[in-house]
N, C-alpha and C. Protein backbone atom coordinates (compact mmCIF):
# COMPACT_ATOMS: atom_id res chain seq x y z
N MET A 1 20.62 6.80 5.41
CA MET A 1 19.37 6.80 6.16
C MET A 1 19.37 5.59 7.09
N LYS A 2 19.07 5.83 8.32
CA LYS A 2 19.02 4.75 9.29
C LYS A 2 17.65 4.11 9.26
N LEU A 3 17.60 2.84 8.89
CA LEU A 3 16.31 2.17 8.80
C LEU A 3 15.60 2.14 10.14
N ALA A 4 16.31 1.83 11.19
CA ALA A 4 15.68 1.74 12.50
C ALA A 4 15.07 3.08 12.90
N TYR A 5 15.67 4.16 12.46
CA TYR A 5 15.20 5.49 12.82
C TYR A 5 13.92 5.85 12.08
N TYR A 6 13.83 5.53 10.80
CA TYR A 6 12.69 5.91 9.95
C TYR A 6 11.68 4.78 9.76
N ASN A 7 12.05 3.58 10.13
CA ASN A 7 11.22 2.40 9.88
C ASN A 7 9.78 2.60 10.36
N ASP A 8 9.62 2.94 11.62
CA ASP A 8 8.28 3.11 12.19
C ASP A 8 7.54 4.27 11.52
N LEU A 9 8.26 5.33 11.21
CA LEU A 9 7.65 6.49 10.57
C LEU A 9 7.10 6.12 9.19
N ILE A 10 7.85 5.38 8.41
CA ILE A 10 7.40 4.97 7.07
C ILE A 10 6.15 4.09 7.19
N VAL A 11 6.19 3.12 8.08
CA VAL A 11 5.03 2.23 8.26
C VAL A 11 3.82 3.02 8.75
N ASP A 12 4.03 3.94 9.69
CA ASP A 12 2.93 4.77 10.18
C ASP A 12 2.33 5.63 9.07
N LEU A 13 3.16 6.18 8.22
CA LEU A 13 2.66 6.99 7.11
C LEU A 13 1.78 6.17 6.18
N CYS A 14 2.08 4.90 6.04
CA CYS A 14 1.35 4.03 5.12
C CYS A 14 0.18 3.31 5.78
N ASP A 15 -0.08 3.61 7.04
CA ASP A 15 -1.21 3.00 7.74
C ASP A 15 -2.49 3.68 7.27
N ASN A 16 -3.38 2.90 6.67
CA ASN A 16 -4.65 3.40 6.11
C ASN A 16 -4.45 4.43 5.00
N ASN A 17 -3.32 4.36 4.33
CA ASN A 17 -3.02 5.21 3.17
C ASN A 17 -2.42 4.37 2.07
N HIS A 18 -2.57 4.84 0.86
CA HIS A 18 -1.90 4.25 -0.29
C HIS A 18 -0.98 5.34 -0.83
N LEU A 19 0.31 5.23 -0.52
CA LEU A 19 1.26 6.28 -0.85
C LEU A 19 2.32 5.79 -1.82
N SER A 20 2.72 6.64 -2.75
CA SER A 20 3.86 6.34 -3.61
C SER A 20 5.13 6.62 -2.82
N VAL A 21 6.26 6.18 -3.32
CA VAL A 21 7.52 6.46 -2.63
C VAL A 21 7.75 7.97 -2.60
N ASP A 22 7.36 8.66 -3.66
CA ASP A 22 7.51 10.12 -3.68
C ASP A 22 6.67 10.77 -2.58
N ASP A 23 5.44 10.27 -2.39
CA ASP A 23 4.59 10.78 -1.31
C ASP A 23 5.27 10.57 0.05
N ILE A 24 5.80 9.37 0.24
CA ILE A 24 6.46 9.03 1.51
C ILE A 24 7.67 9.94 1.71
N PHE A 25 8.47 10.11 0.67
CA PHE A 25 9.65 10.96 0.75
C PHE A 25 9.26 12.39 1.14
N GLU A 26 8.26 12.95 0.48
CA GLU A 26 7.84 14.33 0.75
C GLU A 26 7.40 14.50 2.21
N ARG A 27 6.67 13.52 2.72
CA ARG A 27 6.19 13.63 4.11
C ARG A 27 7.33 13.49 5.12
N ILE A 28 8.30 12.62 4.82
CA ILE A 28 9.46 12.49 5.71
C ILE A 28 10.32 13.75 5.63
N ALA A 29 10.49 14.28 4.42
CA ALA A 29 11.34 15.47 4.23
C ALA A 29 10.78 16.69 4.95
N GLU A 30 9.48 16.72 5.20
CA GLU A 30 8.90 17.83 5.97
C GLU A 30 9.48 17.86 7.39
N LYS A 31 9.70 16.68 7.95
CA LYS A 31 10.24 16.59 9.31
C LYS A 31 11.77 16.53 9.32
N TYR A 32 12.32 15.86 8.30
CA TYR A 32 13.76 15.61 8.23
C TYR A 32 14.26 16.04 6.85
N PRO A 33 14.54 17.34 6.66
CA PRO A 33 14.90 17.86 5.34
C PRO A 33 16.15 17.23 4.72
N SER A 34 17.02 16.64 5.53
CA SER A 34 18.25 16.07 4.98
C SER A 34 18.07 14.64 4.46
N VAL A 35 16.87 14.08 4.56
CA VAL A 35 16.64 12.71 4.11
C VAL A 35 16.87 12.63 2.60
N GLY A 36 17.46 11.52 2.15
CA GLY A 36 17.71 11.33 0.72
C GLY A 36 16.61 10.50 0.07
N ARG A 37 16.23 10.89 -1.15
CA ARG A 37 15.18 10.19 -1.88
C ARG A 37 15.55 8.73 -2.12
N SER A 38 16.79 8.47 -2.50
CA SER A 38 17.19 7.08 -2.78
C SER A 38 17.17 6.24 -1.51
N SER A 39 17.46 6.85 -0.37
CA SER A 39 17.39 6.12 0.91
C SER A 39 15.96 5.70 1.21
N VAL A 40 15.01 6.60 0.94
CA VAL A 40 13.61 6.27 1.16
C VAL A 40 13.21 5.11 0.24
N TYR A 41 13.60 5.16 -1.03
CA TYR A 41 13.29 4.08 -1.97
C TYR A 41 13.82 2.75 -1.45
N ARG A 42 15.09 2.72 -1.05
CA ARG A 42 15.69 1.47 -0.58
C ARG A 42 14.98 0.94 0.65
N ASN A 43 14.66 1.82 1.58
CA ASN A 43 14.04 1.37 2.82
C ASN A 43 12.60 0.93 2.63
N VAL A 44 11.87 1.58 1.74
CA VAL A 44 10.51 1.13 1.44
C VAL A 44 10.55 -0.27 0.86
N GLU A 45 11.44 -0.51 -0.07
CA GLU A 45 11.55 -1.85 -0.67
C GLU A 45 11.96 -2.89 0.37
N LEU A 46 12.82 -2.52 1.31
CA LEU A 46 13.20 -3.44 2.39
C LEU A 46 12.00 -3.75 3.28
N LEU A 47 11.19 -2.75 3.58
CA LEU A 47 9.99 -2.99 4.40
C LEU A 47 9.00 -3.90 3.69
N VAL A 48 8.96 -3.85 2.36
CA VAL A 48 8.11 -4.77 1.60
C VAL A 48 8.66 -6.19 1.75
N LYS A 49 9.96 -6.34 1.64
CA LYS A 49 10.56 -7.67 1.78
C LYS A 49 10.36 -8.24 3.18
N GLU A 50 10.28 -7.35 4.16
CA GLU A 50 10.06 -7.79 5.55
C GLU A 50 8.58 -7.96 5.88
N TRP A 51 7.71 -7.80 4.89
CA TRP A 51 6.26 -7.96 5.04
C TRP A 51 5.63 -6.91 5.95
N LYS A 52 6.28 -5.77 6.10
CA LYS A 52 5.70 -4.69 6.90
C LYS A 52 4.88 -3.74 6.04
N LEU A 53 5.17 -3.71 4.74
CA LEU A 53 4.39 -2.94 3.77
C LEU A 53 3.96 -3.83 2.62
N ASN A 54 2.80 -3.53 2.08
CA ASN A 54 2.34 -4.18 0.84
C ASN A 54 2.61 -3.22 -0.31
N LYS A 55 3.00 -3.78 -1.45
CA LYS A 55 3.25 -2.99 -2.65
C LYS A 55 2.14 -3.24 -3.65
N LEU A 56 1.48 -2.17 -4.07
CA LEU A 56 0.43 -2.26 -5.08
C LEU A 56 1.02 -1.79 -6.40
N THR A 57 1.10 -2.70 -7.35
CA THR A 57 1.63 -2.34 -8.67
C THR A 57 0.50 -2.28 -9.68
N TRP A 58 0.78 -1.67 -10.79
CA TRP A 58 -0.17 -1.55 -11.88
C TRP A 58 -1.41 -0.73 -11.50
N VAL A 59 -1.20 0.29 -10.69
CA VAL A 59 -2.25 1.24 -10.39
C VAL A 59 -1.79 2.55 -11.02
N GLY A 60 -2.30 2.84 -12.20
CA GLY A 60 -1.80 4.00 -12.93
C GLY A 60 -0.37 3.73 -13.35
N ASN A 61 0.47 4.74 -13.26
CA ASN A 61 1.87 4.60 -13.66
C ASN A 61 2.81 4.47 -12.48
N LYS A 62 2.27 4.29 -11.29
CA LYS A 62 3.09 4.23 -10.08
C LYS A 62 2.79 2.97 -9.28
N SER A 63 3.70 2.70 -8.36
CA SER A 63 3.44 1.70 -7.33
C SER A 63 3.06 2.45 -6.07
N TYR A 64 2.16 1.86 -5.31
CA TYR A 64 1.73 2.45 -4.05
C TYR A 64 1.99 1.46 -2.93
N PHE A 65 2.16 2.00 -1.74
CA PHE A 65 2.49 1.18 -0.58
C PHE A 65 1.49 1.43 0.52
N GLU A 66 1.19 0.37 1.26
CA GLU A 66 0.30 0.47 2.41
C GLU A 66 0.84 -0.44 3.49
N LYS A 67 0.45 -0.14 4.72
CA LYS A 67 0.85 -1.00 5.83
C LYS A 67 0.23 -2.37 5.64
N ALA A 68 1.02 -3.41 5.84
CA ALA A 68 0.52 -4.77 5.69
C ALA A 68 -0.60 -5.02 6.68
N LYS A 69 -1.69 -5.59 6.19
CA LYS A 69 -2.84 -5.88 7.05
C LYS A 69 -3.60 -7.07 6.48
N GLN A 70 -4.71 -7.39 7.12
CA GLN A 70 -5.50 -8.56 6.73
C GLN A 70 -5.93 -8.50 5.27
N ASN A 71 -6.40 -9.63 4.79
CA ASN A 71 -6.83 -9.75 3.40
C ASN A 71 -7.91 -8.74 3.04
N HIS A 72 -7.67 -8.05 1.95
CA HIS A 72 -8.64 -7.09 1.45
C HIS A 72 -8.46 -6.93 -0.05
N ILE A 73 -9.46 -6.35 -0.67
CA ILE A 73 -9.44 -6.13 -2.11
C ILE A 73 -9.38 -4.63 -2.35
N HIS A 74 -8.66 -4.24 -3.39
CA HIS A 74 -8.54 -2.83 -3.74
C HIS A 74 -9.49 -2.50 -4.89
N PHE A 75 -10.32 -1.50 -4.68
CA PHE A 75 -11.15 -0.97 -5.75
C PHE A 75 -10.48 0.31 -6.23
N VAL A 76 -10.16 0.38 -7.53
CA VAL A 76 -9.42 1.50 -8.09
C VAL A 76 -10.30 2.25 -9.07
N ASP A 77 -10.49 3.54 -8.81
CA ASP A 77 -11.24 4.39 -9.74
C ASP A 77 -10.30 4.75 -10.89
N GLU A 78 -10.64 4.31 -12.09
CA GLU A 78 -9.78 4.52 -13.25
C GLU A 78 -9.64 5.99 -13.63
N GLN A 79 -10.61 6.80 -13.29
CA GLN A 79 -10.55 8.21 -13.68
C GLN A 79 -9.76 9.05 -12.68
N THR A 80 -9.91 8.77 -11.39
CA THR A 80 -9.25 9.60 -10.38
C THR A 80 -8.02 8.94 -9.78
N GLY A 81 -7.90 7.61 -9.90
CA GLY A 81 -6.80 6.89 -9.29
C GLY A 81 -7.03 6.60 -7.82
N GLN A 82 -8.18 6.99 -7.29
CA GLN A 82 -8.49 6.74 -5.88
C GLN A 82 -8.55 5.24 -5.63
N ILE A 83 -7.99 4.82 -4.49
CA ILE A 83 -7.96 3.41 -4.11
C ILE A 83 -8.73 3.25 -2.81
N ILE A 84 -9.68 2.32 -2.80
CA ILE A 84 -10.48 2.04 -1.62
C ILE A 84 -10.25 0.58 -1.22
N ASP A 85 -10.03 0.34 0.07
CA ASP A 85 -9.88 -1.02 0.59
C ASP A 85 -11.24 -1.56 1.00
N VAL A 86 -11.50 -2.82 0.63
CA VAL A 86 -12.71 -3.51 1.06
C VAL A 86 -12.29 -4.84 1.66
N ASP A 87 -12.69 -5.07 2.90
CA ASP A 87 -12.35 -6.32 3.59
C ASP A 87 -12.97 -7.49 2.84
N ILE A 88 -12.20 -8.52 2.63
CA ILE A 88 -12.69 -9.68 1.88
C ILE A 88 -13.88 -10.33 2.56
N ASP A 89 -13.95 -10.22 3.89
CA ASP A 89 -15.08 -10.81 4.62
C ASP A 89 -16.38 -10.07 4.35
N ALA A 90 -16.29 -8.84 3.86
CA ALA A 90 -17.49 -8.05 3.55
C ALA A 90 -18.10 -8.45 2.20
N LEU A 91 -17.37 -9.24 1.44
CA LEU A 91 -17.85 -9.66 0.11
C LEU A 91 -18.28 -11.12 0.15
N SER A 92 -19.31 -11.44 -0.58
CA SER A 92 -19.68 -12.85 -0.71
C SER A 92 -19.08 -13.33 -2.03
N LEU A 93 -18.04 -14.14 -1.91
CA LEU A 93 -17.31 -14.60 -3.08
C LEU A 93 -17.80 -15.94 -3.61
N ASN A 94 -18.69 -16.58 -2.89
CA ASN A 94 -19.21 -17.89 -3.30
C ASN A 94 -18.09 -18.89 -3.59
N LEU A 95 -17.11 -18.94 -2.70
CA LEU A 95 -16.03 -19.90 -2.84
C LEU A 95 -16.50 -21.26 -2.33
N PRO A 96 -15.94 -22.34 -2.88
CA PRO A 96 -16.30 -23.67 -2.37
C PRO A 96 -15.93 -23.78 -0.89
N GLN A 97 -16.71 -24.52 -0.14
CA GLN A 97 -16.46 -24.67 1.29
C GLN A 97 -15.10 -25.29 1.59
N TRP A 98 -14.59 -26.08 0.67
CA TRP A 98 -13.32 -26.76 0.90
C TRP A 98 -12.12 -25.85 0.61
N PHE A 99 -12.36 -24.61 0.14
CA PHE A 99 -11.26 -23.71 -0.20
C PHE A 99 -11.05 -22.70 0.92
N GLN A 100 -9.84 -22.69 1.49
CA GLN A 100 -9.47 -21.75 2.54
C GLN A 100 -8.57 -20.66 1.94
N VAL A 101 -8.98 -19.41 2.06
CA VAL A 101 -8.19 -18.29 1.55
C VAL A 101 -7.04 -18.01 2.51
N SER A 102 -5.81 -17.99 1.98
CA SER A 102 -4.66 -17.66 2.81
C SER A 102 -4.11 -16.27 2.51
N ASN A 103 -4.35 -15.78 1.31
CA ASN A 103 -3.85 -14.47 0.93
C ASN A 103 -4.67 -13.95 -0.24
N VAL A 104 -4.82 -12.64 -0.33
CA VAL A 104 -5.57 -12.04 -1.42
C VAL A 104 -4.72 -10.95 -2.04
N ASP A 105 -4.62 -10.95 -3.36
CA ASP A 105 -3.93 -9.90 -4.09
C ASP A 105 -4.83 -9.56 -5.28
N CYS A 106 -5.75 -8.63 -5.05
CA CYS A 106 -6.77 -8.36 -6.06
C CYS A 106 -7.01 -6.86 -6.18
N LYS A 107 -7.09 -6.39 -7.41
CA LYS A 107 -7.46 -5.02 -7.69
C LYS A 107 -8.64 -5.06 -8.67
N VAL A 108 -9.67 -4.29 -8.38
CA VAL A 108 -10.85 -4.21 -9.24
C VAL A 108 -10.89 -2.79 -9.78
N TYR A 109 -10.86 -2.66 -11.11
CA TYR A 109 -10.83 -1.34 -11.75
C TYR A 109 -12.23 -0.97 -12.24
N GLY A 110 -12.55 0.30 -12.14
CA GLY A 110 -13.83 0.78 -12.63
C GLY A 110 -14.04 2.22 -12.26
N SER A 111 -15.29 2.59 -12.15
CA SER A 111 -15.65 3.97 -11.82
C SER A 111 -16.41 4.00 -10.50
N MET A 112 -16.06 4.95 -9.65
CA MET A 112 -16.73 5.06 -8.36
C MET A 112 -17.87 6.07 -8.42
N SER A 113 -18.21 6.52 -9.61
CA SER A 113 -19.32 7.47 -9.72
C SER A 113 -20.64 6.72 -9.56
N VAL A 114 -21.62 7.43 -9.04
CA VAL A 114 -22.92 6.79 -8.75
C VAL A 114 -23.87 7.02 -9.89
């Protein structure tokens, strides 16, 4: 698999989505049936190392990937597995004024039922 050829496609698929590697593979295979599953795995991990994708671990039994973007918190519905992004600026965290946030890696588990 040529990374340069699929690189943008993988990142685009993960823009505003939380996809497993299997999800990414299935979507690429629709356009390019000869793509190999192991190639997709390797390239997704490389994109994580290059900071182009974020890897969400410990969400159910899978890891999910999203396009790297500004600081946000993930709300995870424990019953459905649905993941919602919430911008950290939308939350009042009551942090001390002397503390500057440089990065956020947070998942909040619960129920999204009303």
